[in-house]
N, C-alpha and C. Protein backbone atom coordinates (compact mmCIF):
# COMPACT_ATOMS: atom_id res chain seq x y z
N MET A 1 0.96 -1.21 0.05
CA MET A 1 0.05 0.12 -0.02
C MET A 1 0.90 1.11 -0.15
N THR A 2 0.69 2.17 -0.79
CA THR A 2 1.41 3.41 -1.16
C THR A 2 0.85 4.50 0.10
N SER A 3 1.91 4.98 0.65
CA SER A 3 1.49 6.07 1.62
C SER A 3 1.54 7.48 1.16
N ILE A 4 0.57 8.30 1.46
CA ILE A 4 0.65 9.46 0.52
C ILE A 4 1.85 10.43 1.39
N ASP A 5 2.19 10.02 2.52
CA ASP A 5 3.51 10.70 3.01
C ASP A 5 4.78 10.44 2.09
N ASN A 6 4.74 9.37 1.50
CA ASN A 6 5.75 9.29 0.87
C ASN A 6 5.65 9.71 -0.68
N THR A 7 4.76 10.59 -1.02
CA THR A 7 4.80 10.94 -2.24
C THR A 7 4.76 12.58 -2.34
N ALA A 8 4.58 13.53 -3.57
CA ALA A 8 4.75 14.53 -3.51
C ALA A 8 3.35 15.25 -3.12
N LEU A 9 2.18 14.66 -2.85
CA LEU A 9 1.20 15.04 -2.31
C LEU A 9 1.30 15.17 -0.86
N GLY A 10 1.93 14.36 -0.16
CA GLY A 10 2.18 14.35 1.33
C GLY A 10 1.91 15.72 1.72
N ARG A 11 2.98 16.77 1.66
CA ARG A 11 3.08 17.92 2.16
C ARG A 11 1.47 18.85 2.05
N LEU A 12 1.12 18.55 1.07
CA LEU A 12 -0.35 19.07 0.68
C LEU A 12 -1.41 18.48 1.77
N ASP A 13 -1.29 17.19 1.95
CA ASP A 13 -2.03 16.71 2.82
C ASP A 13 -1.90 17.05 4.31
N LYS A 14 -0.66 17.07 4.56
CA LYS A 14 -0.16 17.81 6.06
C LYS A 14 -0.97 18.98 6.30
N GLU A 15 -0.84 20.12 5.28
CA GLU A 15 -1.18 21.15 5.42
C GLU A 15 -2.82 21.40 5.32
N GLY A 16 -3.38 20.22 5.32
CA GLY A 16 -4.76 20.30 4.86
C GLY A 16 -5.46 20.69 4.06
N ARG A 17 -4.75 20.64 2.88
CA ARG A 17 -5.12 21.23 1.60
C ARG A 17 -5.95 20.22 0.50
N LEU A 18 -5.87 19.02 0.91
CA LEU A 18 -6.57 18.04 -0.08
C LEU A 18 -8.13 17.81 0.40
N LEU A 19 -9.12 18.25 -0.34
CA LEU A 19 -10.26 18.53 0.31
C LEU A 19 -11.57 17.74 -0.66
N ASN A 20 -12.42 17.41 -0.19
CA ASN A 20 -13.57 16.76 -1.06
C ASN A 20 -13.01 15.63 -2.01
N ALA A 21 -12.39 14.70 -1.46
CA ALA A 21 -11.92 13.72 -2.11
C ALA A 21 -13.02 12.59 -2.57
N VAL A 22 -13.11 12.36 -3.98
CA VAL A 22 -13.72 11.36 -4.55
C VAL A 22 -12.93 9.97 -4.51
N LEU A 23 -11.41 10.18 -4.60
CA LEU A 23 -10.62 9.35 -4.40
C LEU A 23 -9.27 9.87 -3.82
N LYS A 24 -8.64 9.29 -2.96
CA LYS A 24 -7.40 9.67 -2.24
C LYS A 24 -6.89 8.40 -1.55
N GLY A 25 -6.26 7.73 -2.50
CA GLY A 25 -5.60 6.31 -2.07
C GLY A 25 -4.61 5.78 -3.42
N ASP A 26 -4.63 4.18 -3.12
CA ASP A 26 -3.81 3.79 -4.16
C ASP A 26 -4.25 3.87 -5.72
N THR A 27 -3.83 3.73 -6.52
CA THR A 27 -4.35 3.46 -7.74
C THR A 27 -4.09 2.00 -8.17
N THR A 28 -4.51 1.44 -9.54
CA THR A 28 -4.11 0.17 -9.92
C THR A 28 -2.63 -0.13 -10.15
N LYS A 29 -1.86 0.86 -10.40
CA LYS A 29 -0.40 0.71 -10.63
C LYS A 29 0.34 0.74 -9.31
N PRO A 30 1.26 -0.25 -9.24
CA PRO A 30 1.96 -0.30 -8.01
C PRO A 30 2.56 0.88 -7.37
N GLY A 31 2.92 1.45 -6.38
CA GLY A 31 3.62 2.45 -6.16
C GLY A 31 3.05 3.90 -6.48
N ARG A 32 1.76 3.90 -6.82
CA ARG A 32 1.05 5.16 -7.46
C ARG A 32 -0.09 5.53 -6.65
N PHE A 33 -0.13 6.90 -5.78
CA PHE A 33 -1.07 7.35 -5.35
C PHE A 33 -1.89 8.27 -5.92
N GLY A 34 -3.30 8.11 -6.16
CA GLY A 34 -4.19 8.90 -6.95
C GLY A 34 -4.88 9.90 -6.07
N PHE A 35 -5.43 11.15 -6.49
CA PHE A 35 -6.24 11.97 -5.71
C PHE A 35 -7.33 12.84 -6.90
N ARG A 36 -8.42 12.68 -6.48
CA ARG A 36 -9.17 13.39 -7.28
C ARG A 36 -10.06 14.01 -6.27
N GLY A 37 -10.30 15.40 -6.39
CA GLY A 37 -10.81 16.24 -5.31
C GLY A 37 -10.48 17.81 -5.59
N ASP A 38 -10.37 18.30 -4.49
CA ASP A 38 -9.92 20.11 -4.61
C ASP A 38 -8.61 20.14 -3.71
N ILE A 39 -7.81 21.09 -4.24
CA ILE A 39 -6.61 21.39 -3.24
C ILE A 39 -6.71 23.00 -2.97
N ALA A 40 -6.96 22.97 -1.75
CA ALA A 40 -7.20 24.68 -1.20
C ALA A 40 -5.70 25.69 -1.58
N LEU A 41 -6.23 26.46 -2.02
CA LEU A 41 -5.09 27.51 -2.26
C LEU A 41 -4.96 28.61 -1.50
N ARG A 42 -6.33 29.21 -0.97
CA ARG A 42 -6.17 30.14 -0.03
C ARG A 42 -7.18 29.80 1.07
N PHE A 43 -6.83 29.86 2.46
CA PHE A 43 -7.80 29.58 3.44
C PHE A 43 -8.52 30.78 4.14
N GLN A 44 -9.59 30.69 4.71
CA GLN A 44 -10.27 31.87 5.34
C GLN A 44 -9.40 31.74 6.81
N VAL A 45 -9.69 33.23 7.34
CA VAL A 45 -9.19 33.22 8.66
C VAL A 45 -10.18 32.45 9.49
N GLN A 46 -9.58 31.34 10.56
CA GLN A 46 -10.61 30.71 11.53
C GLN A 46 -10.60 31.36 12.44
N VAL A 47 -11.92 31.18 13.10
CA VAL A 47 -12.09 31.92 14.19
C VAL A 47 -12.36 30.63 15.46
N ALA A 48 -11.50 30.79 16.66
CA ALA A 48 -11.32 29.53 17.50
C ALA A 48 -11.29 28.33 16.80
N ASP A 49 -12.14 27.40 16.89
CA ASP A 49 -11.87 25.77 16.32
C ASP A 49 -12.74 25.68 15.10
N GLU A 50 -13.51 26.75 14.90
CA GLU A 50 -14.55 26.63 13.56
C GLU A 50 -13.83 26.32 11.99
N LYS A 51 -14.22 25.18 11.45
CA LYS A 51 -13.80 25.04 10.37
C LYS A 51 -14.28 25.69 9.38
N ARG A 52 -13.91 26.31 8.31
CA ARG A 52 -14.37 27.03 7.37
C ARG A 52 -13.65 26.66 5.81
N PRO A 53 -14.46 26.69 4.81
CA PRO A 53 -14.07 26.45 3.71
C PRO A 53 -12.94 27.07 3.14
N PRO A 54 -12.00 26.96 2.19
CA PRO A 54 -11.09 27.77 1.73
C PRO A 54 -12.09 28.97 0.82
N ASP A 55 -11.06 30.10 0.56
CA ASP A 55 -11.55 31.16 -0.08
C ASP A 55 -11.57 30.64 -1.66
N TYR A 56 -10.36 29.95 -1.88
CA TYR A 56 -10.53 29.51 -3.55
C TYR A 56 -9.85 28.34 -3.20
N SER A 57 -10.01 27.47 -4.49
CA SER A 57 -8.99 26.27 -4.60
C SER A 57 -8.96 25.93 -6.15
N ILE A 58 -7.92 24.89 -6.26
CA ILE A 58 -8.09 24.31 -7.77
C ILE A 58 -8.97 23.48 -7.50
N GLU A 59 -10.35 22.96 -8.00
CA GLU A 59 -11.10 22.44 -7.89
C GLU A 59 -10.97 21.07 -9.46
N GLN A 60 -11.92 20.02 -8.74
CA GLN A 60 -11.91 19.16 -9.62
C GLN A 60 -10.68 18.28 -10.02
N VAL A 61 -9.84 18.24 -9.34
CA VAL A 61 -8.09 17.97 -9.48
C VAL A 61 -8.29 16.59 -9.64
N LEU A 62 -7.65 16.05 -10.75
CA LEU A 62 -7.08 14.70 -11.06
C LEU A 62 -5.66 14.68 -11.38
N THR A 63 -5.09 13.75 -10.32
CA THR A 63 -3.68 13.80 -10.27
C THR A 63 -3.32 12.39 -9.43
N VAL A 64 -1.96 12.04 -9.99
CA VAL A 64 -1.32 10.79 -9.45
C VAL A 64 0.13 11.18 -8.99
N ALA A 65 0.60 10.33 -8.08
CA ALA A 65 2.03 10.80 -7.55
C ALA A 65 2.64 9.39 -7.45
N GLY A 66 3.80 9.23 -7.52
CA GLY A 66 4.57 8.23 -7.54
C GLY A 66 5.38 8.26 -6.09
N GLU A 67 5.38 6.72 -5.53
CA GLU A 67 5.91 6.73 -4.22
C GLU A 67 7.44 7.01 -4.52
N GLY A 68 8.09 7.90 -3.26
CA GLY A 68 9.47 8.43 -3.20
C GLY A 68 9.88 9.27 -4.48
N GLU A 69 8.98 9.73 -5.47
CA GLU A 69 9.36 10.80 -6.13
C GLU A 69 8.68 12.18 -5.63
N THR A 70 9.66 13.28 -5.74
CA THR A 70 9.65 14.60 -4.95
C THR A 70 8.30 15.39 -5.98
N THR A 71 8.14 14.92 -7.27
CA THR A 71 7.01 15.96 -8.10
C THR A 71 6.11 15.16 -8.08
N ILE A 72 4.88 15.69 -8.83
CA ILE A 72 3.74 15.50 -9.18
C ILE A 72 3.74 15.45 -10.81
N PRO A 73 3.62 14.02 -11.71
CA PRO A 73 3.91 14.07 -12.95
C PRO A 73 3.04 14.71 -13.95
N VAL A 74 1.76 14.74 -13.44
CA VAL A 74 0.48 14.93 -14.33
C VAL A 74 -0.56 15.60 -13.38
N LEU A 75 -1.53 16.42 -13.63
CA LEU A 75 -2.30 17.09 -12.78
C LEU A 75 -3.37 17.95 -13.79
N ALA A 76 -4.52 17.73 -13.64
CA ALA A 76 -5.75 18.75 -14.25
C ALA A 76 -6.48 19.20 -13.31
N GLY A 77 -6.91 20.42 -13.41
CA GLY A 77 -7.73 21.00 -12.37
C GLY A 77 -8.61 22.15 -12.89
N TYR A 78 -9.50 22.92 -12.16
CA TYR A 78 -10.47 23.75 -12.58
C TYR A 78 -10.05 24.94 -11.86
N LEU A 79 -9.87 26.19 -12.17
CA LEU A 79 -9.74 27.46 -11.54
C LEU A 79 -10.72 28.41 -11.90
N HIS A 80 -11.50 28.99 -10.75
CA HIS A 80 -12.54 29.82 -11.09
C HIS A 80 -12.12 31.26 -11.74
N SER A 81 -10.77 31.66 -11.68
CA SER A 81 -10.23 32.72 -12.30
C SER A 81 -8.70 32.37 -12.72
N LEU A 82 -8.39 32.56 -13.93
CA LEU A 82 -6.85 32.49 -14.09
C LEU A 82 -5.98 33.10 -13.27
N ALA A 83 -6.39 34.28 -12.56
CA ALA A 83 -5.71 35.18 -11.62
C ALA A 83 -5.11 34.10 -10.38
N TYR A 84 -5.76 33.04 -10.31
CA TYR A 84 -5.15 32.15 -9.13
C TYR A 84 -3.95 31.12 -9.65
N LEU A 85 -3.74 31.46 -10.63
CA LEU A 85 -2.58 30.53 -11.47
C LEU A 85 -1.54 30.78 -10.77
N ALA A 86 -1.03 31.86 -10.26
CA ALA A 86 0.11 32.33 -9.37
C ALA A 86 0.04 31.72 -8.02
N ASP A 87 -1.21 31.48 -7.47
CA ASP A 87 -1.20 30.93 -6.29
C ASP A 87 -0.98 29.23 -6.44
N VAL A 88 -1.30 28.78 -7.36
CA VAL A 88 -1.06 27.33 -7.93
C VAL A 88 0.46 27.15 -7.72
N ALA A 89 1.17 28.17 -8.39
CA ALA A 89 2.46 27.95 -8.61
C ALA A 89 3.22 27.76 -7.13
N LYS A 90 2.65 29.04 -6.35
CA LYS A 90 3.30 28.97 -4.87
C LYS A 90 3.07 27.83 -4.13
N VAL A 91 1.67 27.61 -3.87
CA VAL A 91 1.26 26.32 -2.98
C VAL A 91 1.82 25.18 -3.56
N LEU A 92 1.76 24.71 -4.79
CA LEU A 92 2.42 23.69 -5.37
C LEU A 92 3.87 23.46 -5.47
N GLY A 93 4.40 24.81 -5.42
CA GLY A 93 5.79 25.06 -5.37
C GLY A 93 6.69 23.74 -5.59
N GLY A 94 7.44 23.23 -4.82
CA GLY A 94 8.27 22.30 -5.40
C GLY A 94 7.90 21.00 -5.80
N ALA A 95 6.88 20.85 -5.63
CA ALA A 95 5.80 19.44 -6.07
C ALA A 95 5.76 19.38 -7.49
N LEU A 96 5.95 20.72 -8.41
CA LEU A 96 5.81 20.73 -9.89
C LEU A 96 7.21 20.38 -10.46
N SER A 97 7.24 19.80 -11.62
CA SER A 97 8.52 19.72 -12.36
C SER A 97 8.37 20.09 -13.63
N PRO A 98 9.62 20.80 -14.15
CA PRO A 98 9.51 21.13 -15.63
C PRO A 98 9.08 20.55 -16.47
N ASN A 99 9.13 19.06 -16.37
CA ASN A 99 8.75 18.19 -17.15
C ASN A 99 7.51 17.55 -17.03
N GLY A 100 6.59 18.15 -16.21
CA GLY A 100 5.53 17.65 -15.83
C GLY A 100 4.42 18.18 -16.85
N THR A 101 3.16 17.24 -16.94
CA THR A 101 2.08 17.95 -17.70
C THR A 101 1.02 18.17 -16.71
N TYR A 102 0.73 19.75 -16.88
CA TYR A 102 -0.28 20.38 -16.02
C TYR A 102 -1.30 20.98 -16.97
N PHE A 103 -2.66 20.71 -16.55
CA PHE A 103 -3.81 21.44 -17.45
C PHE A 103 -4.45 22.13 -16.46
N MET A 104 -4.85 23.61 -16.53
CA MET A 104 -5.64 24.24 -16.01
C MET A 104 -6.82 24.74 -16.55
N PHE A 105 -7.95 24.21 -16.32
CA PHE A 105 -9.35 24.75 -17.02
C PHE A 105 -9.89 25.94 -16.39
N CYS A 106 -10.26 27.03 -17.05
CA CYS A 106 -10.27 28.25 -16.43
C CYS A 106 -11.78 28.65 -16.93
N ASN A 107 -12.53 29.60 -16.04
CA ASN A 107 -13.82 29.71 -16.26
C ASN A 107 -13.76 31.34 -16.78
N ASN A 108 -12.73 32.11 -16.71
CA ASN A 108 -12.94 33.25 -17.38
C ASN A 108 -11.95 33.42 -18.57
N ILE A 109 -11.81 32.72 -19.57
CA ILE A 109 -11.01 32.99 -20.53
C ILE A 109 -11.92 32.42 -21.69
N ASP A 110 -11.50 33.21 -22.83
CA ASP A 110 -11.92 33.34 -23.97
C ASP A 110 -12.31 31.55 -24.61
N LEU A 111 -13.66 31.30 -25.04
CA LEU A 111 -13.83 30.04 -25.03
C LEU A 111 -13.12 29.25 -26.33
N LEU A 112 -12.57 29.96 -26.91
CA LEU A 112 -11.58 29.32 -28.05
C LEU A 112 -10.22 29.41 -27.68
N ALA A 113 -9.86 29.84 -26.60
CA ALA A 113 -8.42 30.05 -26.19
C ALA A 113 -7.70 28.73 -25.76
N LYS A 114 -6.59 28.83 -26.09
CA LYS A 114 -5.64 27.61 -25.44
C LYS A 114 -4.43 28.38 -25.65
N TYR A 115 -3.90 28.20 -24.36
CA TYR A 115 -2.52 28.53 -24.30
C TYR A 115 -1.38 28.03 -23.39
N ARG A 116 -0.26 28.17 -23.36
CA ARG A 116 0.87 27.98 -22.08
C ARG A 116 1.13 28.99 -21.51
N ILE A 117 1.33 28.95 -20.26
CA ILE A 117 1.78 30.00 -19.20
C ILE A 117 2.87 29.21 -18.42
N LYS A 118 4.11 30.03 -18.53
CA LYS A 118 4.95 29.49 -17.92
C LYS A 118 5.16 30.33 -16.48
N ILE A 119 5.28 29.92 -15.37
CA ILE A 119 5.69 30.45 -14.19
C ILE A 119 6.94 29.62 -13.50
N GLY A 120 7.91 30.41 -13.36
CA GLY A 120 9.01 29.91 -12.90
C GLY A 120 9.64 28.92 -13.93
N ASN A 121 9.91 27.74 -13.74
CA ASN A 121 10.10 26.55 -14.85
C ASN A 121 8.98 25.78 -15.08
N VAL A 122 7.88 26.13 -14.58
CA VAL A 122 6.79 25.27 -14.88
C VAL A 122 5.73 25.66 -15.87
N THR A 123 5.45 24.64 -16.72
CA THR A 123 4.62 25.29 -18.07
C THR A 123 3.16 24.66 -17.64
N PHE A 124 2.17 25.54 -17.59
CA PHE A 124 0.68 25.24 -17.23
C PHE A 124 0.03 25.40 -18.87
N ARG A 125 -0.79 24.18 -19.14
CA ARG A 125 -1.61 24.60 -20.24
C ARG A 125 -2.79 24.98 -19.99
N ILE A 126 -3.29 26.17 -20.36
CA ILE A 126 -4.66 26.94 -19.92
C ILE A 126 -5.85 26.62 -21.13
N LEU A 127 -6.78 26.18 -20.55
CA LEU A 127 -7.94 25.74 -21.12
C LEU A 127 -9.16 26.40 -21.09
N PRO A 128 -10.11 26.50 -21.80
CA PRO A 128 -11.36 27.16 -21.23
C PRO A 128 -12.19 26.03 -20.71
N CYS A 129 -13.26 26.42 -19.69
CA CYS A 129 -14.04 25.57 -19.24
C CYS A 129 -15.33 26.08 -18.98
N ASP A 130 -16.64 25.82 -19.48
CA ASP A 130 -17.79 26.51 -19.44
C ASP A 130 -18.72 25.45 -19.26
N GLU A 131 -19.53 25.63 -18.26
CA GLU A 131 -20.78 24.42 -17.72
C GLU A 131 -20.32 22.96 -18.32
N SER A 132 -18.98 22.67 -17.85
CA SER A 132 -18.52 21.29 -18.03
C SER A 132 -17.72 20.73 -16.87
N THR A 133 -17.12 19.93 -16.97
CA THR A 133 -16.18 19.44 -15.57
C THR A 133 -14.60 19.01 -16.39
N VAL A 134 -13.80 19.08 -15.61
CA VAL A 134 -12.67 18.54 -15.76
C VAL A 134 -12.27 17.04 -16.27
N TRP A 135 -13.11 16.25 -15.82
CA TRP A 135 -13.20 14.88 -16.33
C TRP A 135 -13.62 14.85 -17.71
N LYS A 136 -15.03 15.41 -17.85
CA LYS A 136 -15.48 15.40 -19.32
C LYS A 136 -14.49 16.14 -20.28
N GLU A 137 -13.79 17.27 -20.00
CA GLU A 137 -12.94 17.99 -20.81
C GLU A 137 -11.69 16.94 -21.19
N MET A 138 -11.24 16.41 -20.11
CA MET A 138 -9.96 15.45 -20.24
C MET A 138 -10.15 14.31 -21.19
N MET A 139 -11.23 13.79 -20.75
CA MET A 139 -11.65 12.81 -21.82
C MET A 139 -11.67 13.18 -23.27
N ASP A 140 -12.48 14.05 -23.38
CA ASP A 140 -12.44 14.86 -24.80
C ASP A 140 -11.24 15.17 -25.39
N LEU A 141 -10.33 15.80 -24.53
CA LEU A 141 -8.81 16.07 -25.00
C LEU A 141 -7.88 14.98 -25.43
N THR A 142 -8.18 13.81 -24.39
CA THR A 142 -7.25 12.70 -24.80
C THR A 142 -7.67 11.62 -25.81
N GLY A 143 -9.12 11.97 -26.13
CA GLY A 143 -9.85 11.09 -27.01
C GLY A 143 -10.18 9.67 -26.19
N VAL A 144 -9.96 9.49 -25.32
CA VAL A 144 -10.54 8.53 -24.28
C VAL A 144 -12.26 8.32 -24.46
N GLU A 145 -12.55 7.21 -24.85
CA GLU A 145 -14.09 6.78 -24.74
C GLU A 145 -14.47 6.40 -23.75
N LYS A 146 -15.88 6.57 -23.43
CA LYS A 146 -16.44 5.89 -22.00
C LYS A 146 -16.28 4.56 -22.02
N ASN A 147 -16.45 4.02 -23.32
CA ASN A 147 -16.20 2.48 -23.38
C ASN A 147 -14.72 1.74 -23.16
N ASP A 148 -13.86 2.63 -23.24
CA ASP A 148 -12.30 2.14 -22.88
C ASP A 148 -12.37 2.13 -21.48
N ILE A 149 -13.14 2.82 -20.49
CA ILE A 149 -12.64 2.78 -19.23
C ILE A 149 -14.08 2.22 -18.37
N LYS A 150 -15.04 1.78 -19.10
CA LYS A 150 -16.35 1.61 -18.45
C LYS A 150 -16.18 0.27 -17.27
N LYS A 151 -15.35 -0.51 -17.51
CA LYS A 151 -14.98 -1.85 -16.72
C LYS A 151 -14.12 -1.62 -15.61
N LEU A 152 -13.05 -0.15 -15.71
CA LEU A 152 -12.50 0.17 -14.55
C LEU A 152 -13.03 0.62 -13.44
N ASP A 153 -12.46 0.54 -11.95
CA ASP A 153 -12.93 1.18 -11.02
C ASP A 153 -12.40 2.61 -11.03
N THR A 154 -12.89 3.48 -9.88
CA THR A 154 -12.41 4.79 -9.99
C THR A 154 -10.92 4.93 -10.16
N ALA A 155 -10.09 4.27 -9.29
CA ALA A 155 -8.92 4.51 -9.58
C ALA A 155 -8.04 4.20 -10.82
N GLY A 156 -8.71 3.00 -11.31
CA GLY A 156 -8.32 2.43 -12.77
C GLY A 156 -8.52 3.59 -13.75
N LYS A 157 -9.80 3.98 -13.56
CA LYS A 157 -10.07 4.95 -14.76
C LYS A 157 -9.21 6.43 -14.59
N LEU A 158 -8.57 6.87 -13.53
CA LEU A 158 -8.00 7.82 -13.53
C LEU A 158 -6.60 7.55 -13.90
N ASP A 159 -5.99 6.23 -13.62
CA ASP A 159 -4.70 5.81 -14.12
C ASP A 159 -4.78 6.20 -15.63
N TYR A 160 -5.83 5.49 -16.14
CA TYR A 160 -6.10 5.52 -17.86
C TYR A 160 -6.27 6.64 -18.49
N LEU A 161 -6.57 7.65 -17.94
CA LEU A 161 -6.73 8.93 -18.52
C LEU A 161 -5.34 10.04 -18.18
N LEU A 162 -5.37 9.69 -17.09
CA LEU A 162 -3.93 10.23 -16.86
C LEU A 162 -2.58 10.07 -17.47
N ASP A 163 -2.36 8.64 -17.95
CA ASP A 163 -1.41 8.22 -18.73
C ASP A 163 -1.45 8.72 -20.10
N ALA A 164 -2.98 8.93 -20.60
CA ALA A 164 -3.18 9.27 -21.97
C ALA A 164 -2.94 10.79 -22.10
N ALA A 165 -3.04 11.48 -20.81
CA ALA A 165 -2.74 12.81 -21.04
C ALA A 165 -1.43 13.32 -21.00
N LYS A 166 -0.65 12.38 -20.43
CA LYS A 166 0.79 12.76 -20.70
C LYS A 166 1.21 12.85 -21.91
N SER A 167 0.52 12.04 -22.94
CA SER A 167 1.11 12.23 -24.46
C SER A 167 0.27 13.30 -25.39
N ILE A 168 -0.52 14.26 -24.67
CA ILE A 168 -1.16 14.92 -25.45
C ILE A 168 -0.26 16.14 -26.08
N ASP A 169 -0.46 16.33 -27.56
CA ASP A 169 0.64 17.40 -28.12
C ASP A 169 -0.25 18.77 -27.46
N ALA A 170 0.33 19.35 -26.59
CA ALA A 170 -0.44 20.62 -26.14
C ALA A 170 0.49 21.72 -26.48
N SER A 171 1.21 21.90 -27.77
CA SER A 171 1.94 22.85 -28.18
C SER A 171 1.15 24.14 -28.53
N TYR A 172 0.30 24.95 -27.53
CA TYR A 172 -0.26 26.08 -27.75
C TYR A 172 0.51 27.09 -27.71
N ALA A 173 0.16 28.19 -28.18
CA ALA A 173 0.86 29.54 -28.13
C ALA A 173 1.17 29.64 -26.53
N GLU A 174 2.48 30.45 -26.49
CA GLU A 174 2.70 30.70 -25.07
C GLU A 174 2.59 32.17 -24.89
N LEU A 175 2.25 32.27 -23.76
CA LEU A 175 1.74 33.76 -23.02
C LEU A 175 2.70 33.93 -21.61
N SER A 176 2.76 35.14 -21.41
CA SER A 176 3.37 35.30 -19.92
C SER A 176 1.94 35.57 -19.06
N TYR A 177 2.34 35.20 -17.63
CA TYR A 177 1.00 35.33 -16.99
C TYR A 177 0.37 36.62 -17.01
N GLU A 178 1.25 37.72 -17.00
CA GLU A 178 0.78 39.08 -17.05
C GLU A 178 -0.16 39.17 -18.46
N GLU A 179 0.29 38.72 -19.64
CA GLU A 179 -0.48 39.01 -20.70
C GLU A 179 -1.65 37.95 -20.94
N GLY A 180 -1.83 37.04 -20.01
CA GLY A 180 -2.84 36.05 -19.76
C GLY A 180 -3.82 36.83 -18.70
N LEU A 181 -3.55 37.54 -17.78
CA LEU A 181 -4.34 38.38 -16.88
C LEU A 181 -4.97 39.50 -17.72
N ALA A 182 -4.33 39.92 -18.86
CA ALA A 182 -4.56 41.13 -19.57
C ALA A 182 -5.89 40.66 -20.34
N LYS A 183 -5.63 39.39 -20.95
CA LYS A 183 -6.58 38.72 -21.72
C LYS A 183 -7.92 38.24 -21.24
N MET A 184 -7.62 37.86 -19.85
CA MET A 184 -9.14 37.15 -19.06
C MET A 184 -10.12 38.39 -19.18
N GLN A 185 -11.33 37.52 -18.99
CA GLN A 185 -12.73 38.24 -18.88
C GLN A 185 -13.12 38.17 -17.60
N PRO A 186 -14.09 38.95 -17.43
CA PRO A 186 -14.61 38.89 -15.97
C PRO A 186 -15.10 37.40 -15.58
N VAL A 187 -15.16 37.09 -14.12
CA VAL A 187 -15.49 35.93 -13.78
C VAL A 187 -16.82 35.53 -13.53
N LYS A 188 -17.25 34.49 -14.40
CA LYS A 188 -18.79 34.28 -14.51
C LYS A 188 -19.22 33.66 -13.20
N ASN A 189 -20.46 34.18 -12.83
CA ASN A 189 -21.41 33.84 -11.45
C ASN A 189 -21.79 32.44 -11.79
N ARG A 190 -21.34 31.42 -11.08
CA ARG A 190 -21.46 30.01 -11.36
C ARG A 190 -23.19 29.47 -10.97
N ASN A 191 -23.66 30.52 -10.27
CA ASN A 191 -25.08 30.30 -9.77
C ASN A 191 -25.99 30.77 -10.70
N GLU A 192 -25.66 31.67 -11.38
CA GLU A 192 -26.37 32.30 -12.49
C GLU A 192 -27.50 31.47 -13.18
N ASN A 193 -28.53 31.68 -13.69
CA ASN A 193 -29.21 30.90 -14.47
C ASN A 193 -29.67 29.31 -13.64
N ARG A 194 -29.45 29.21 -12.60
CA ARG A 194 -29.57 28.13 -11.70
C ARG A 194 -31.07 28.21 -11.15
N PRO A 195 -32.11 27.36 -11.15
CA PRO A 195 -33.38 27.47 -10.29
C PRO A 195 -33.02 27.53 -8.82
N VAL A 196 -34.15 28.42 -8.24
CA VAL A 196 -33.78 28.55 -6.79
C VAL A 196 -34.58 27.21 -6.22
């Protein structure tokens, strides 16, 4: 059994950042730990022992980490605003690698936009996400069909999808973080048009 403490996700777990887990445990590959959930980026101020949800997070995270490895090889997630990308780079700090594959789906970028933003020596592939899920977007991006994975359990599906994600040719145009911020649109209210 793979212990999260021996992976690049261990520090995030100790800091209490891994939330709302659909999967947080071994995958089907030996020595690999999988996580599906949210990674808190900024916490609210806590009063006494009251637990509050984070101000914002990387939501719908799909990632795996190898035992004994110091970096996360592949990660996909949703950011409600592209502006949070700087916090992603800071919070995940040393857990990201220049050779890693990282996808961030954002609410407030043009629906046709696809680009790469480098912060430090880590490259993020930035894609739009509107009224969809990271899982569905990654399925479309990798070309993985539901039938390919329907007999697999949650951990097996995550392994299959993220292994496929590593080979995506995402040679999108490169922008600086500042250029990305200049292009970003207002954040959409996710509760708009929802029945009360």
